[in-house]
Amino acid sequence: MAYERQTKIVQESQTLARVALLAAIFNLSLAAAKYLLGRYAGSLSLQADALHSLTDVIGSISVFLGLKFSDRKSEAFPYGLYKLENLASLVSAGFIFLAAYEILLNALHSKEPLIVNNIPLAIGGLILMTLALFLFSRWELKIAKSSGSPSLAADAEHMKTDFLATAVIMVGLIGGFFGVHWLDKIAALIIAVIIFHTGWEIMLDAFKVLLDIGLESEVVTRIAEIVRQFPEVIKIKKIVGRRSGRYRFVEIELVLDVHTLEEAHEIVTIIEEEIYDNFPEIDRVIIHFEPPRLDKIKIAIPLDENGQITSHLACAPEFLFLVINCKKNPPQIVEEKRVPNPCRQEEKRRGVLLAEWLRDQNVNTFIVPSDDNKARGLFYALSSLGIKILFRPDISLEELFKNPPCPQKSH
């Protein structure tokens, strides 16, 4: 599944890179068309706007490069270079600011009157270019939103600034035709403010991601809803993450009520896949889990005929049961009891029967007074029933009563 996700990410990045390259070609064609129309119609503003459109080409190329290389992972960059997309959107924001500055400069300091020759031709050409620009930017923005690509969205927003700049030229041409030359300056000031606001929003979002801003609140809420659907989840301790390019990285801490480690891993794997299915933009989910913390535990210690701890586990004549209050600091023994081993004389399945008996006695932890792992059948049976095995080589009853153990599992 991880390989399939990574393959999908690479394929999507290459597709978006082709869209960005197409945007660069479109912007270059638009700049050439504006320049030729401006020369033919005798419009200085159109020729100037053609130079401004060349900045769009640079912005689109930066987006293309960001998308082309953002999905590359290596030993030095194991999480990929997704933030190249945010760097590319930051570059696009810079060009948007430049566009606003150019419009303000022309509106406030330009003293050259607009040449009104061939006005119908200039207006007709502007309408056609504006329509093409509008359709292309809408198409690019739609792809950006469906993929969650911030750089492609920034490039589409950048194109919309060209749309507004074209409106300025149109107002100026009409005003020049009627001899009202100040109309284009008023319109330029208003549109420059709108363009600056667009650039500011893009720049702010890029900086947030580059500084590892957390996940959006709605994403965290939806992930929490998915996790809570699993009855084994007792508590969600934390859901945190960060954005990187158009992708997300998520880390979750859970309290799981399960009997075995294998069961916990199985539940965690299912939760991860469920999150991946609902959030294609999530690149990686890491889930840490732990069992519910017990206020009291009950431990079992195997004893020999002399009442001392023995390493003969399933054959032990009796067991010492200790109930320990783990809320106390240090932990305190609140109950102790010695019980004969009813499974000692069994010839078959002795370990399994012992584990089942200990479970029926509400035992949480089984003390093994050695690091010997020979009683694998017993250990497997204990683990499958959710009884923790605590290896304590050379432990004595004196030490056990002096320092009662309160083991807690975490993963």
Protein backbone atom coordinates (compact mmCIF):
# COMPACT_ATOMS: atom_id res chain seq x y z
CA MET A 1 0.00 0.00 0.00
CA ALA A 2 2.83 2.41 0.83
CA TYR A 3 4.45 1.70 -2.56
CA GLU A 4 1.14 2.30 -4.36
CA ARG A 5 0.64 5.60 -2.51
CA GLN A 6 4.14 6.76 -3.36
CA THR A 7 3.66 5.82 -7.01
CA LYS A 8 0.40 7.77 -7.06
CA ILE A 9 2.12 10.81 -5.50
CA VAL A 10 4.87 10.75 -8.14
CA GLN A 11 2.36 10.41 -10.99
CA GLU A 12 0.22 13.24 -9.63
CA SER A 13 3.27 15.49 -9.23
CA GLN A 14 4.31 14.86 -12.83
CA THR A 15 0.77 15.62 -14.06
CA LEU A 16 0.68 18.90 -12.12
CA ALA A 17 4.14 19.77 -13.42
CA ARG A 18 2.83 19.40 -16.98
CA VAL A 19 -0.06 21.75 -16.12
CA ALA A 20 2.42 24.31 -14.75
CA LEU A 21 4.56 24.00 -17.91
CA LEU A 22 1.45 24.52 -20.04
CA ALA A 23 0.71 27.64 -17.96
CA ALA A 24 4.20 28.96 -18.69
CA ILE A 25 3.68 28.42 -22.44
CA PHE A 26 0.24 30.07 -22.23
CA ASN A 27 1.67 33.11 -20.42
CA LEU A 28 4.46 33.43 -22.98
CA SER A 29 1.92 33.30 -25.82
CA LEU A 30 -0.22 35.89 -24.03
CA ALA A 31 2.73 38.23 -23.58
CA ALA A 32 3.58 37.96 -27.28
CA ALA A 33 -0.05 38.58 -28.29
CA LYS A 34 -0.28 41.68 -26.06
CA TYR A 35 2.93 43.09 -27.47
CA LEU A 36 1.93 42.53 -31.10
CA LEU A 37 -1.56 43.94 -30.50
CA GLY A 38 -0.09 46.92 -28.68
CA ARG A 39 2.29 47.62 -31.57
CA TYR A 40 -0.41 47.24 -34.18
CA ALA A 41 -3.05 49.23 -32.30
CA GLY A 42 -0.56 51.84 -31.15
CA SER A 43 -1.27 51.26 -27.44
CA LEU A 44 1.65 51.96 -25.10
CA SER A 45 -0.26 50.43 -22.15
CA LEU A 46 -0.71 47.14 -23.98
CA GLN A 47 3.00 47.00 -24.81
CA ALA A 48 3.86 47.72 -21.18
CA ASP A 49 1.43 45.03 -20.00
CA ALA A 50 3.14 42.58 -22.36
CA LEU A 51 6.35 43.08 -20.39
CA HIS A 52 4.40 42.55 -17.18
CA SER A 53 3.07 39.24 -18.57
CA LEU A 54 6.64 38.03 -18.92
CA THR A 55 6.82 38.00 -15.11
CA ASP A 56 3.97 35.46 -15.22
CA VAL A 57 6.16 33.21 -17.34
CA ILE A 58 8.90 33.30 -14.71
CA GLY A 59 6.34 32.58 -11.98
CA SER A 60 4.89 29.61 -13.89
CA ILE A 61 8.36 28.21 -14.55
CA SER A 62 9.16 28.42 -10.82
CA VAL A 63 5.93 26.51 -10.09
CA PHE A 64 6.87 23.91 -12.71
CA LEU A 65 10.29 23.38 -11.14
CA GLY A 66 8.76 23.13 -7.66
CA LEU A 67 6.25 20.49 -8.76
CA LYS A 68 8.77 18.60 -10.89
CA PHE A 69 11.18 18.01 -8.02
CA SER A 70 8.98 18.23 -4.90
CA ASP A 71 8.22 14.48 -4.77
CA ARG A 72 11.87 13.42 -4.84
CA LYS A 73 12.86 11.48 -1.72
CA SER A 74 16.39 10.55 -0.77
CA GLU A 75 18.48 9.55 2.21
CA ALA A 76 19.14 13.22 2.93
CA PHE A 77 15.47 14.17 2.42
CA PRO A 78 13.42 11.12 3.55
CA TYR A 79 10.22 13.18 3.74
CA GLY A 80 10.58 14.47 0.20
CA LEU A 81 10.94 18.01 -1.07
CA TYR A 82 7.25 18.87 -0.95
CA LYS A 83 7.98 22.33 0.46
CA LEU A 84 9.50 23.31 -2.87
CA GLU A 85 5.87 23.89 -3.87
CA ASN A 86 5.49 26.41 -1.06
CA LEU A 87 8.74 28.08 -2.09
CA ALA A 88 7.36 28.27 -5.63
CA SER A 89 4.12 29.84 -4.39
CA LEU A 90 6.25 32.31 -2.42
CA VAL A 91 8.01 33.25 -5.66
CA SER A 92 4.59 33.66 -7.33
CA ALA A 93 3.54 35.97 -4.49
CA GLY A 94 6.63 38.04 -5.18
CA PHE A 95 5.62 38.43 -8.82
CA ILE A 96 2.08 39.36 -7.76
CA PHE A 97 3.55 42.14 -5.60
CA LEU A 98 5.62 43.21 -8.59
CA ALA A 99 2.47 43.34 -10.74
CA ALA A 100 0.73 45.52 -8.13
CA TYR A 101 3.78 47.78 -7.95
CA GLU A 102 3.87 48.18 -11.75
CA ILE A 103 0.20 49.15 -11.87
CA LEU A 104 0.64 51.65 -9.03
CA LEU A 105 3.73 53.09 -10.70
CA ASN A 106 1.91 53.56 -14.00
CA ALA A 107 -1.15 55.00 -12.28
CA LEU A 108 0.69 57.51 -10.09
CA HIS A 109 3.71 58.54 -12.14
CA SER A 110 2.94 57.94 -15.80
CA LYS A 111 2.52 61.23 -17.70
CA GLU A 112 2.21 59.80 -21.19
CA PRO A 113 -1.35 59.98 -22.57
CA LEU A 114 -2.87 56.87 -24.03
CA ILE A 115 -2.80 56.62 -27.81
CA VAL A 116 -6.33 56.06 -29.00
CA ASN A 117 -5.61 54.79 -32.52
CA ASN A 118 -7.41 51.56 -33.47
CA ILE A 119 -9.35 51.46 -30.22
CA PRO A 120 -12.01 48.97 -31.47
CA LEU A 121 -9.24 46.55 -32.56
CA ALA A 122 -7.42 46.90 -29.23
CA ILE A 123 -10.62 46.36 -27.23
CA GLY A 124 -11.62 43.34 -29.34
CA GLY A 125 -8.19 41.77 -28.89
CA LEU A 126 -8.28 42.45 -25.15
CA ILE A 127 -11.70 40.81 -24.83
CA LEU A 128 -10.47 37.65 -26.59
CA MET A 129 -7.29 37.50 -24.45
CA THR A 130 -9.29 38.16 -21.29
CA LEU A 131 -11.68 35.32 -22.12
CA ALA A 132 -8.78 32.92 -22.80
CA LEU A 133 -7.07 34.03 -19.57
CA PHE A 134 -10.25 33.59 -17.57
CA LEU A 135 -10.92 30.08 -18.88
CA PHE A 136 -7.33 28.93 -18.43
CA SER A 137 -7.03 30.29 -14.88
CA ARG A 138 -10.37 28.68 -13.91
CA TRP A 139 -9.16 25.33 -15.30
CA GLU A 140 -5.82 25.60 -13.51
CA LEU A 141 -7.46 26.61 -10.23
CA LYS A 142 -9.87 23.67 -10.47
CA ILE A 143 -6.95 21.24 -10.84
CA ALA A 144 -5.10 22.98 -8.00
CA LYS A 145 -8.06 22.62 -5.64
CA SER A 146 -8.71 18.98 -6.52
CA SER A 147 -5.04 18.11 -5.92
CA GLY A 148 -4.44 20.53 -3.04
CA SER A 149 -1.39 22.02 -4.79
CA PRO A 150 -0.57 25.43 -3.22
CA SER A 151 1.88 26.44 -5.95
CA LEU A 152 -0.55 25.70 -8.77
CA ALA A 153 -3.28 27.60 -6.90
CA ALA A 154 -0.89 30.54 -6.47
CA ASP A 155 -0.12 30.48 -10.20
CA ALA A 156 -3.84 30.51 -11.02
CA GLU A 157 -4.36 33.46 -8.67
CA HIS A 158 -1.43 35.17 -10.34
CA MET A 159 -3.18 34.81 -13.69
CA LYS A 160 -6.24 36.50 -12.20
CA THR A 161 -4.08 39.55 -11.54
CA ASP A 162 -3.49 39.71 -15.31
CA PHE A 163 -7.24 39.61 -15.73
CA LEU A 164 -7.59 42.62 -13.45
CA ALA A 165 -4.70 44.41 -15.15
CA THR A 166 -6.45 43.91 -18.49
CA ALA A 167 -9.54 45.56 -16.99
CA VAL A 168 -7.38 48.56 -16.10
CA ILE A 169 -6.19 48.83 -19.71
CA MET A 170 -9.77 48.55 -20.95
CA VAL A 171 -10.92 51.38 -18.67
CA GLY A 172 -7.94 53.45 -19.76
CA LEU A 173 -8.65 52.87 -23.45
CA ILE A 174 -12.32 53.81 -23.05
CA GLY A 175 -11.44 56.83 -20.92
CA GLY A 176 -8.81 57.91 -23.45
CA PHE A 177 -11.33 57.55 -26.25
CA PHE A 178 -13.64 59.98 -24.45
CA GLY A 179 -10.80 62.21 -23.24
CA VAL A 180 -11.17 61.21 -19.54
CA HIS A 181 -7.59 60.16 -18.84
CA TRP A 182 -7.86 59.95 -15.04
CA LEU A 183 -10.28 56.96 -15.08
CA ASP A 184 -7.50 54.45 -15.64
CA LYS A 185 -5.57 55.81 -12.65
CA ILE A 186 -8.51 55.41 -10.25
CA ALA A 187 -9.18 51.89 -11.51
CA ALA A 188 -5.47 51.05 -11.27
CA LEU A 189 -5.32 52.09 -7.61
CA ILE A 190 -8.35 49.96 -6.69
CA ILE A 191 -7.13 46.90 -8.58
CA ALA A 192 -3.59 47.26 -7.25
CA VAL A 193 -4.95 46.97 -3.71
CA ILE A 194 -6.89 43.81 -4.68
CA ILE A 195 -3.81 42.32 -6.31
CA PHE A 196 -1.65 43.16 -3.30
CA HIS A 197 -4.19 41.44 -0.99
CA THR A 198 -4.06 38.29 -3.17
CA GLY A 199 -0.27 38.23 -3.03
CA TRP A 200 -0.32 38.78 0.73
CA GLU A 201 -2.64 35.79 1.31
CA ILE A 202 -0.47 33.52 -0.85
CA MET A 203 2.74 34.70 0.84
CA LEU A 204 1.25 34.25 4.32
CA ASP A 205 0.10 30.71 3.56
CA ALA A 206 3.51 29.80 2.10
CA PHE A 207 5.33 31.14 5.17
CA LYS A 208 3.01 29.24 7.51
CA VAL A 209 3.81 25.94 5.82
CA LEU A 210 7.53 26.67 5.62
CA LEU A 211 7.45 27.32 9.37
CA ASP A 212 5.64 23.96 9.96
CA ILE A 213 2.17 25.21 10.77
CA GLY A 214 -0.10 22.52 12.20
CA LEU A 215 -2.99 20.77 10.50
CA GLU A 216 -6.19 22.62 9.73
CA SER A 217 -8.78 22.28 12.52
CA GLU A 218 -11.34 20.71 10.18
CA VAL A 219 -8.82 18.03 9.14
CA VAL A 220 -8.06 17.20 12.80
CA THR A 221 -11.79 16.99 13.55
CA ARG A 222 -12.45 14.62 10.66
CA ILE A 223 -9.50 12.40 11.59
CA ALA A 224 -10.76 12.26 15.19
CA GLU A 225 -14.20 11.20 13.94
CA ILE A 226 -12.64 8.35 11.94
CA VAL A 227 -10.55 7.16 14.90
CA ARG A 228 -13.50 7.23 17.32
CA GLN A 229 -15.41 4.80 15.11
CA PHE A 230 -13.19 2.00 16.45
CA PRO A 231 -14.52 0.64 19.77
CA GLU A 232 -10.99 -0.39 20.84
CA VAL A 233 -10.00 3.30 21.06
CA ILE A 234 -10.51 4.41 24.66
CA LYS A 235 -8.96 7.85 24.33
CA ILE A 236 -7.34 10.10 21.73
CA LYS A 237 -4.45 11.73 23.56
CA LYS A 238 -3.17 13.81 20.68
CA ILE A 239 -3.55 14.45 16.96
CA VAL A 240 -0.85 16.67 15.53
CA GLY A 241 0.70 17.14 12.13
CA ARG A 242 2.12 19.54 9.63
CA ARG A 243 1.63 20.61 6.06
CA SER A 244 4.28 20.23 3.40
CA GLY A 245 3.40 21.36 -0.10
CA ARG A 246 0.04 19.83 -0.97
CA TYR A 247 0.54 16.94 1.46
CA ARG A 248 0.07 16.39 5.18
CA PHE A 249 2.00 14.41 7.82
CA VAL A 250 -0.01 13.18 10.82
CA GLU A 251 0.98 11.82 14.23
CA ILE A 252 -1.61 10.31 16.58
CA GLU A 253 -1.40 9.07 20.19
CA LEU A 254 -4.11 6.64 21.30
CA VAL A 255 -5.12 4.58 24.31
CA LEU A 256 -6.26 1.15 23.07
CA ASP A 257 -8.18 -1.47 25.02
CA VAL A 258 -6.77 -4.65 23.45
CA HIS A 259 -5.47 -7.95 24.79
CA THR A 260 -2.39 -8.50 22.64
CA LEU A 261 0.28 -6.55 20.84
CA GLU A 262 -0.70 -8.25 17.57
CA GLU A 263 -4.28 -7.09 17.97
CA ALA A 264 -3.13 -3.54 18.67
CA HIS A 265 -0.96 -3.47 15.53
CA GLU A 266 -3.86 -4.82 13.48
CA ILE A 267 -6.23 -2.12 14.75
CA VAL A 268 -3.63 0.60 14.16
CA THR A 269 -3.04 -0.61 10.60
CA ILE A 270 -6.77 -0.52 9.86
CA ILE A 271 -7.04 3.01 11.30
CA GLU A 272 -4.12 4.18 9.16
CA GLU A 273 -5.64 2.75 5.97
CA GLU A 274 -9.00 4.33 6.80
CA ILE A 275 -7.32 7.73 7.16
CA TYR A 276 -5.41 7.28 3.90
CA ASP A 277 -8.64 6.37 2.09
CA ASN A 278 -10.40 9.51 3.35
CA PHE A 279 -7.44 11.88 2.96
CA PRO A 280 -5.49 11.32 -0.30
CA GLU A 281 -3.41 14.40 0.57
CA ILE A 282 -1.94 12.69 3.68
CA ASP A 283 1.49 11.28 2.86
CA ARG A 284 2.25 9.59 6.18
CA VAL A 285 0.38 8.59 9.35
CA ILE A 286 2.26 7.54 12.49
CA ILE A 287 0.20 6.14 15.37
CA HIS A 288 1.57 5.58 18.88
CA PHE A 289 -0.58 3.52 21.21
CA GLU A 290 -0.67 2.46 24.84
CA PRO A 291 -3.06 0.49 27.07
CA PRO A 292 -5.37 2.08 29.63
CA ARG A 293 -3.49 2.98 32.77
CA LEU A 294 -4.60 0.76 35.67
CA ASP A 295 -4.99 2.13 39.16
CA LYS A 296 -4.64 -1.38 40.58
CA ILE A 297 -2.93 -4.46 39.20
CA LYS A 298 -2.89 -8.07 40.27
CA ILE A 299 0.33 -10.01 39.84
CA ALA A 300 1.06 -13.72 40.11
CA ILE A 301 4.37 -15.13 41.39
CA PRO A 302 5.17 -18.90 41.18
CA LEU A 303 6.31 -20.42 44.51
CA ASP A 304 7.96 -23.75 45.38
CA GLU A 305 7.20 -26.10 48.31
CA ASN A 306 9.20 -23.87 50.65
CA GLY A 307 7.26 -20.76 49.70
CA GLN A 308 10.14 -19.27 47.71
CA ILE A 309 10.01 -17.94 44.16
CA THR A 310 10.65 -20.69 41.61
CA SER A 311 11.49 -20.76 37.93
CA HIS A 312 9.32 -23.87 37.44
CA LEU A 313 6.34 -21.91 36.21
CA ALA A 314 3.45 -24.16 35.16
CA CYS A 315 4.60 -26.84 37.63
CA ALA A 316 4.79 -24.48 40.61
CA PRO A 317 2.94 -25.89 43.66
CA GLU A 318 1.28 -22.57 44.39
CA PHE A 319 1.08 -18.93 43.37
CA LEU A 320 1.32 -15.75 45.37
CA PHE A 321 -1.26 -13.18 44.28
CA LEU A 322 -0.52 -9.54 45.10
CA VAL A 323 -2.93 -6.67 44.47
CA ILE A 324 -0.94 -3.43 44.14
CA ASN A 325 -2.29 0.12 44.30
CA CYS A 326 -0.36 1.93 41.56
CA LYS A 327 -1.88 5.33 42.37
CA LYS A 328 0.21 5.49 45.51
CA ASN A 329 3.75 6.77 45.36
CA PRO A 330 5.48 4.48 45.98
CA PRO A 331 3.05 1.67 44.99
CA GLN A 332 1.51 -0.20 47.90
CA ILE A 333 0.41 -3.83 48.31
CA VAL A 334 -3.22 -3.81 49.43
CA GLU A 335 -3.92 -7.55 49.27
CA GLU A 336 -1.91 -10.77 49.26
CA LYS A 337 -2.99 -14.37 48.92
CA ARG A 338 -1.40 -17.78 48.31
CA VAL A 339 -3.38 -20.16 46.11
CA PRO A 340 -2.52 -23.78 45.13
CA ASN A 341 -1.83 -24.37 41.44
CA PRO A 342 -4.82 -26.41 40.13
CA CYS A 343 -3.05 -27.14 36.83
CA ARG A 344 0.12 -28.63 38.28
CA GLN A 345 -0.84 -32.27 37.67
CA GLU A 346 -2.17 -31.74 34.16
CA GLU A 347 -0.27 -33.73 31.51
CA LYS A 348 -1.53 -31.92 28.42
CA ARG A 349 -2.01 -28.21 27.69
CA ARG A 350 -0.77 -27.34 31.16
CA GLY A 351 0.47 -23.88 30.12
CA VAL A 352 -2.76 -22.99 28.32
CA LEU A 353 -4.90 -24.16 31.23
CA LEU A 354 -2.74 -22.21 33.69
CA ALA A 355 -3.03 -19.04 31.61
CA GLU A 356 -6.82 -19.39 31.45
CA TRP A 357 -6.99 -19.97 35.22
CA LEU A 358 -4.85 -16.89 35.91
CA ARG A 359 -7.13 -14.84 33.66
CA ASP A 360 -10.15 -16.06 35.63
CA GLN A 361 -8.35 -14.87 38.78
CA ASN A 362 -8.12 -11.36 37.21
CA VAL A 363 -4.33 -11.48 37.05
CA ASN A 364 -2.76 -8.63 35.03
CA THR A 365 0.90 -9.51 35.31
CA PHE A 366 2.88 -12.73 35.57
CA ILE A 367 6.31 -12.56 37.23
CA VAL A 368 9.02 -14.73 35.64
CA PRO A 369 12.05 -14.97 37.99
CA SER A 370 14.55 -15.44 35.16
CA ASP A 371 15.29 -14.29 31.63
CA ASP A 372 14.77 -17.83 30.29
CA ASN A 373 12.33 -17.95 27.40
CA LYS A 374 11.85 -21.74 27.26
CA ALA A 375 8.21 -21.77 28.39
CA ARG A 376 7.07 -20.38 25.06
CA GLY A 377 3.70 -22.14 25.11
CA LEU A 378 2.82 -20.59 28.46
CA PHE A 379 4.12 -17.17 27.41
CA TYR A 380 2.12 -17.26 24.19
CA ALA A 381 -1.05 -18.23 26.06
CA LEU A 382 -0.52 -15.46 28.63
CA SER A 383 0.09 -12.84 25.94
CA SER A 384 -2.97 -13.92 23.93
CA LEU A 385 -5.11 -13.37 27.04
CA GLY A 386 -3.66 -9.93 27.71
CA ILE A 387 -1.55 -10.88 30.73
CA LYS A 388 1.75 -9.01 30.80
CA ILE A 389 4.90 -11.08 31.34
CA LEU A 390 7.45 -9.38 33.56
CA PHE A 391 10.94 -10.91 33.50
CA ARG A 392 12.66 -10.27 36.84
CA PRO A 393 15.81 -12.47 37.10
CA ASP A 394 16.89 -13.37 40.64
CA ILE A 395 14.03 -11.45 42.27
CA SER A 396 13.32 -12.22 45.94
CA LEU A 397 10.14 -11.99 47.97
CA GLU A 398 11.81 -9.42 50.19
CA GLU A 399 12.57 -7.17 47.24
CA LEU A 400 9.09 -7.76 45.80
CA PHE A 401 7.39 -6.60 49.00
CA LYS A 402 9.80 -3.71 49.38
CA ASN A 403 9.41 -2.40 45.81
CA PRO A 404 6.11 -3.66 44.35
CA PRO A 405 6.15 -3.43 40.53
CA CYS A 406 3.59 -1.41 38.59
CA PRO A 407 4.40 -2.15 34.94
CA GLN A 408 2.71 -0.04 32.28
CA LYS A 409 2.88 -0.85 28.58
CA SER A 410 3.37 1.73 25.83
CA HIS A 411 4.24 1.53 22.12
